[in-house]
Structures are given as C-alpha cells and as structure tokens.
C-alpha cells in the first residue's frame, strides 16, 4: 500500500461578498458576539486550569445555554 499525502488534496475557496451598509453592520455585530463568546469560553477554561480543575465541553455548553436563557438582551435577529 502506498503512502498518500492528503494535504495535497485539501483546497480552499475564497468568495467576494459585498454587503449593504445594514448587512455590514449586522455581520459586525455577529462577529463581535461570536468573538466575545469564544474569548469568554477560552478564559473560563484557562481559569479552571489555573485552579487545577477541568471543565469539559458538555459542562461549558450547559453553562452557556443557562447564560443565554438568563440574558435580558433580546437576540438581534428575532422579531
């Protein structure tokens, strides 16, 4: 059996998207929100490790769901 280099098979695609000003503002909001959630989750994991503890994906996802339910801020996309 021959060795196959899978890395040569991977390809990427680029797309040019031109948003309206409203769409650009909305995508900024989504990006900022996703970045904030990611950074908060990362910091939470780091803090657990500093204490010598561990938090797994399921526990962190449950805490995120609880935080979303407790949030008083409405979702931007809801009517």
C-alpha atoms as a PDB file:
ATOM      1  CA  UNK A   1       0.000   0.000   0.000  1.00  0.00           C
ATOM      2  CA  UNK A   2       1.358   3.413  -0.937  1.00  0.00           C
ATOM      3  CA  UNK A   3       1.515   6.394   1.345  1.00  0.00           C
ATOM      4  CA  UNK A   4      -0.933   9.071   0.251  1.00  0.00           C
ATOM      5  CA  UNK A   5      -0.365  12.705   1.137  1.00  0.00           C
ATOM      6  CA  UNK A   6      -3.805  14.036   1.952  1.00  0.00           C
ATOM      7  CA  UNK A   7      -2.535  17.574   2.424  1.00  0.00           C
ATOM      8  CA  UNK A   8      -2.232  17.891  -1.351  1.00  0.00           C
ATOM      9  CA  UNK A   9      -5.911  17.099  -1.711  1.00  0.00           C
ATOM     10  CA  UNK A  10      -7.180  19.904   0.520  1.00  0.00           C
ATOM     11  CA  UNK A  11      -8.363  23.024  -1.231  1.00  0.00           C
ATOM     12  CA  UNK A  12      -9.699  26.354  -0.083  1.00  0.00           C
ATOM     13  CA  UNK A  13     -12.159  28.664  -1.685  1.00  0.00           C
ATOM     14  CA  UNK A  14     -12.491  32.427  -1.486  1.00  0.00           C
ATOM     15  CA  UNK A  15     -15.595  34.427  -2.186  1.00  0.00           C
ATOM     16  CA  UNK A  16     -16.041  38.128  -2.525  1.00  0.00           C
ATOM     17  CA  UNK A  17     -19.148  39.367  -0.784  1.00  0.00           C
ATOM     18  CA  UNK A  18     -20.386  42.918  -0.935  1.00  0.00           C
ATOM     19  CA  UNK A  19     -22.793  43.788   1.854  1.00  0.00           C
ATOM     20  CA  UNK A  20     -25.232  46.634   2.056  1.00  0.00           C
ATOM     21  CA  UNK A  21     -24.456  49.011   4.936  1.00  0.00           C
ATOM     22  CA  UNK A  22     -27.176  47.351   7.050  1.00  0.00           C
ATOM     23  CA  UNK A  23     -25.830  43.872   6.316  1.00  0.00           C
ATOM     24  CA  UNK A  24     -22.279  45.001   7.104  1.00  0.00           C
ATOM     25  CA  UNK A  25     -23.435  46.377  10.457  1.00  0.00           C
ATOM     26  CA  UNK A  26     -25.261  43.130  11.248  1.00  0.00           C
ATOM     27  CA  UNK A  27     -22.270  40.948  10.311  1.00  0.00           C
ATOM     28  CA  UNK A  28     -20.044  43.117  12.533  1.00  0.00           C
ATOM     29  CA  UNK A  29     -22.467  42.526  15.405  1.00  0.00           C
ATOM     30  CA  UNK A  30     -22.472  38.758  14.797  1.00  0.00           C
ATOM     31  CA  UNK A  31     -18.673  38.672  14.559  1.00  0.00           C
ATOM     32  CA  UNK A  32     -18.259  40.717  17.737  1.00  0.00           C
ATOM     33  CA  UNK A  33     -20.699  38.471  19.603  1.00  0.00           C
ATOM     34  CA  UNK A  34     -19.013  35.261  18.437  1.00  0.00           C
ATOM     35  CA  UNK A  35     -15.593  36.635  19.370  1.00  0.00           C
ATOM     36  CA  UNK A  36     -16.838  37.626  22.837  1.00  0.00           C
ATOM     37  CA  UNK A  37     -18.349  34.170  23.446  1.00  0.00           C
ATOM     38  CA  UNK A  38     -15.167  32.433  22.215  1.00  0.00           C
ATOM     39  CA  UNK A  39     -12.869  34.601  24.333  1.00  0.00           C
ATOM     40  CA  UNK A  40     -15.051  34.159  27.419  1.00  0.00           C
ATOM     41  CA  UNK A  41     -15.081  30.386  26.987  1.00  0.00           C
ATOM     42  CA  UNK A  42     -11.313  30.340  26.494  1.00  0.00           C
ATOM     43  CA  UNK A  43     -10.749  32.444  29.591  1.00  0.00           C
ATOM     44  CA  UNK A  44     -13.085  30.177  31.565  1.00  0.00           C
ATOM     45  CA  UNK A  45     -11.056  27.107  30.556  1.00  0.00           C
ATOM     46  CA  UNK A  46      -7.798  28.866  31.444  1.00  0.00           C
ATOM     47  CA  UNK A  47      -9.158  29.857  34.847  1.00  0.00           C
ATOM     48  CA  UNK A  48     -10.248  26.285  35.549  1.00  0.00           C
ATOM     49  CA  UNK A  49      -6.754  25.042  34.654  1.00  0.00           C
ATOM     50  CA  UNK A  50      -5.110  27.648  36.903  1.00  0.00           C
ATOM     51  CA  UNK A  51      -7.140  26.231  39.780  1.00  0.00           C
ATOM     52  CA  UNK A  52      -6.088  22.695  38.881  1.00  0.00           C
ATOM     53  CA  UNK A  53      -9.615  21.800  37.708  1.00  0.00           C
ATOM     54  CA  UNK A  54     -11.057  20.857  34.372  1.00  0.00           C
ATOM     55  CA  UNK A  55     -14.259  21.823  32.551  1.00  0.00           C
ATOM     56  CA  UNK A  56     -15.403  19.684  29.650  1.00  0.00           C
ATOM     57  CA  UNK A  57     -17.355  20.699  26.568  1.00  0.00           C
ATOM     58  CA  UNK A  58     -20.708  19.483  27.870  1.00  0.00           C
ATOM     59  CA  UNK A  59     -20.464  21.437  31.112  1.00  0.00           C
ATOM     60  CA  UNK A  60     -19.315  24.573  29.324  1.00  0.00           C
ATOM     61  CA  UNK A  61     -22.120  24.256  26.742  1.00  0.00           C
ATOM     62  CA  UNK A  62     -24.672  23.832  29.544  1.00  0.00           C
ATOM     63  CA  UNK A  63     -23.376  26.952  31.267  1.00  0.00           C
ATOM     64  CA  UNK A  64     -23.564  28.881  28.002  1.00  0.00           C
ATOM     65  CA  UNK A  65     -27.170  27.766  27.449  1.00  0.00           C
ATOM     66  CA  UNK A  66     -28.039  28.824  31.018  1.00  0.00           C
ATOM     67  CA  UNK A  67     -26.398  32.214  30.460  1.00  0.00           C
ATOM     68  CA  UNK A  68     -28.336  32.705  27.221  1.00  0.00           C
ATOM     69  CA  UNK A  69     -31.629  31.938  28.972  1.00  0.00           C
ATOM     70  CA  UNK A  70     -30.792  34.325  31.818  1.00  0.00           C
ATOM     71  CA  UNK A  71     -29.741  37.131  29.478  1.00  0.00           C
ATOM     72  CA  UNK A  72     -32.094  40.087  29.316  1.00  0.00           C
ATOM     73  CA  UNK A  73     -30.773  41.177  25.914  1.00  0.00           C
ATOM     74  CA  UNK A  74     -33.013  40.088  23.027  1.00  0.00           C
ATOM     75  CA  UNK A  75     -31.475  38.344  20.023  1.00  0.00           C
ATOM     76  CA  UNK A  76     -30.755  40.716  17.157  1.00  0.00           C
ATOM     77  CA  UNK A  77     -32.460  38.521  14.577  1.00  0.00           C
ATOM     78  CA  UNK A  78     -35.761  37.958  16.379  1.00  0.00           C
ATOM     79  CA  UNK A  79     -38.947  39.823  15.649  1.00  0.00           C
END
